[in-house]
Amino acid sequence: MLAVLMSMKPEWWEKILDGEKTLEIRKTHPQNERLEWPVTVLVYVSGTGAVQGQFLCPGEVSYRTMQDLEEMSCVPREDLLKYAKGRRLSGWIVQSPEKFDAPSPLAEFGLDRPPMSWQYGEIPDAEEV
């Protein structure tokens, strides 16, 4: 199954797991026709060397007020403006976050290094694992 693998700092992953962060801000969003919505987003947590969990993304929000973006993403306005550099941002809606019992190495998903931001990836079928 086609999914998305996303790199994320540990503090943002914790806020997602706590239910505090319900929107992940990125400069782009998935547009692959092979994706089935909601999209499974596998979360590679920076500094851990492994995929730590996943969440479902039923869609993206390409425009909201700056206050909404701040509150839902837990990112201060100044940081959002600096990151955007005058361009439009995509807010990936975060639902049903799940921390894996055991982290999964990137090699399990056919990768030898984490994505800079996010990339498409295949989730192995249960029979393949």
Protein backbone atom coordinates (compact mmCIF):
# COMPACT_ATOMS: atom_id res chain seq x y z
CA MET A 1 0.00 0.00 0.00
CA LEU A 2 1.28 3.45 -0.88
CA ALA A 3 1.78 5.72 2.12
CA VAL A 4 3.79 8.77 3.15
CA LEU A 5 6.93 8.71 5.28
CA MET A 6 7.50 11.97 7.15
CA SER A 7 10.46 13.19 9.20
CA MET A 8 9.57 14.98 12.40
CA LYS A 9 11.33 16.40 15.45
CA PRO A 10 10.67 14.49 18.70
CA GLU A 11 8.88 17.41 20.37
CA TRP A 12 6.31 17.66 17.54
CA TRP A 13 5.67 13.90 17.61
CA GLU A 14 5.02 14.08 21.36
CA LYS A 15 2.53 16.93 20.85
CA ILE A 16 0.73 14.86 18.19
CA LEU A 17 0.56 11.83 20.50
CA ASP A 18 -0.76 14.06 23.32
CA GLY A 19 -3.52 15.37 21.01
CA GLU A 20 -2.21 18.93 21.32
CA LYS A 21 -1.04 19.18 17.69
CA THR A 22 -3.75 18.39 15.12
CA LEU A 23 -2.17 19.99 12.07
CA GLU A 24 1.29 19.33 10.62
CA ILE A 25 2.62 22.24 8.55
CA ARG A 26 4.57 21.52 5.36
CA LYS A 27 5.33 23.45 2.19
CA THR A 28 3.75 20.74 0.02
CA HIS A 29 1.20 17.95 0.31
CA PRO A 30 0.61 14.57 -1.39
CA GLN A 31 -0.87 14.67 -4.88
CA ASN A 32 -0.22 11.12 -6.09
CA GLU A 33 -3.27 9.57 -7.77
CA ARG A 34 -2.36 6.15 -6.33
CA LEU A 35 -2.90 7.35 -2.76
CA GLU A 36 -6.03 6.22 -1.00
CA TRP A 37 -7.49 8.74 1.44
CA PRO A 38 -7.18 8.90 4.35
CA VAL A 39 -3.43 8.60 3.83
CA THR A 40 -1.33 6.65 6.31
CA VAL A 41 1.60 8.82 7.40
CA LEU A 42 4.53 6.93 8.91
CA VAL A 43 6.51 9.11 11.30
CA TYR A 44 10.30 8.97 11.34
CA VAL A 45 11.38 10.77 14.50
CA SER A 46 14.65 12.66 13.99
CA GLY A 47 17.57 11.34 15.99
CA THR A 48 16.03 7.92 16.65
CA GLY A 49 16.97 6.17 13.41
CA ALA A 50 13.54 4.58 13.13
CA VAL A 51 9.87 5.00 12.30
CA GLN A 52 8.19 5.48 15.67
CA GLY A 53 4.52 5.50 14.71
CA GLN A 54 1.86 6.68 12.33
CA PHE A 55 -1.22 8.84 11.93
CA LEU A 56 -4.03 9.16 9.41
CA CYS A 57 -4.31 12.24 7.24
CA PRO A 58 -7.81 12.61 5.74
CA GLY A 59 -6.77 15.70 3.79
CA GLU A 60 -4.99 19.01 3.91
CA VAL A 61 -5.92 22.56 4.71
CA SER A 62 -4.24 24.97 2.33
CA TYR A 63 -5.63 28.15 3.87
CA ARG A 64 -6.61 29.08 7.37
CA THR A 65 -6.16 32.21 9.42
CA MET A 66 -2.71 32.57 10.93
CA GLN A 67 -4.24 32.20 14.39
CA ASP A 68 -5.81 28.85 13.43
CA LEU A 69 -2.51 27.63 12.00
CA GLU A 70 -0.69 28.66 15.18
CA GLU A 71 -3.16 26.93 17.48
CA MET A 72 -3.59 23.70 15.52
CA SER A 73 0.10 23.27 14.63
CA CYS A 74 1.60 24.52 17.93
CA VAL A 75 4.01 26.62 15.85
CA PRO A 76 4.40 30.34 16.72
CA ARG A 77 3.34 32.88 14.08
CA GLU A 78 6.89 34.17 13.59
CA ASP A 79 8.16 30.66 12.86
CA LEU A 80 5.32 30.00 10.40
CA LEU A 81 6.07 33.22 8.50
CA LYS A 82 9.79 32.46 8.44
CA TYR A 83 9.16 28.91 7.19
CA ALA A 84 6.67 30.02 4.51
CA LYS A 85 8.93 32.73 3.03
CA GLY A 86 5.88 34.32 1.43
CA ARG A 87 4.58 31.06 -0.04
CA ARG A 88 1.41 29.20 0.80
CA LEU A 89 1.64 26.45 3.42
CA SER A 90 -0.21 23.14 3.59
CA GLY A 91 -1.68 21.94 6.83
CA TRP A 92 -1.83 18.15 6.98
CA ILE A 93 -4.77 17.14 9.17
CA VAL A 94 -3.65 14.71 11.89
CA GLN A 95 -6.02 12.00 13.13
CA SER A 96 -5.65 8.75 15.09
CA PRO A 97 -1.96 8.99 16.01
CA GLU A 98 -0.42 5.70 17.07
CA LYS A 99 2.96 5.05 18.65
CA PHE A 100 4.43 1.68 17.64
CA ASP A 101 5.26 -0.81 20.40
CA ALA A 102 8.61 -1.37 18.68
CA PRO A 103 10.21 1.20 16.32
CA SER A 104 10.65 0.07 12.71
CA PRO A 105 13.99 0.60 10.94
CA LEU A 106 13.93 2.60 7.71
CA ALA A 107 15.20 -0.45 5.81
CA GLU A 108 11.83 -2.09 6.47
CA PHE A 109 10.38 0.52 4.09
CA GLY A 110 13.16 0.19 1.52
CA LEU A 111 15.01 3.33 2.66
CA ASP A 112 18.58 3.88 3.78
CA ARG A 113 18.08 7.47 4.95
CA PRO A 114 15.13 9.52 6.19
CA PRO A 115 13.34 12.03 3.96
CA MET A 116 14.19 15.73 4.30
CA SER A 117 10.51 16.50 4.83
CA TRP A 118 8.33 13.68 3.45
CA GLN A 119 8.22 11.18 0.61
CA TYR A 120 6.04 8.41 -0.75
CA GLY A 121 6.75 4.89 0.44
CA GLU A 122 5.28 1.43 0.40
CA ILE A 123 3.97 -0.23 3.54
CA PRO A 124 4.79 -3.93 3.42
CA ASP A 125 1.85 -6.32 3.57
CA ALA A 126 1.55 -8.28 6.80
CA GLU A 127 2.55 -11.45 4.91
CA GLU A 128 5.81 -9.80 3.76
CA VAL A 129 6.96 -8.79 7.24
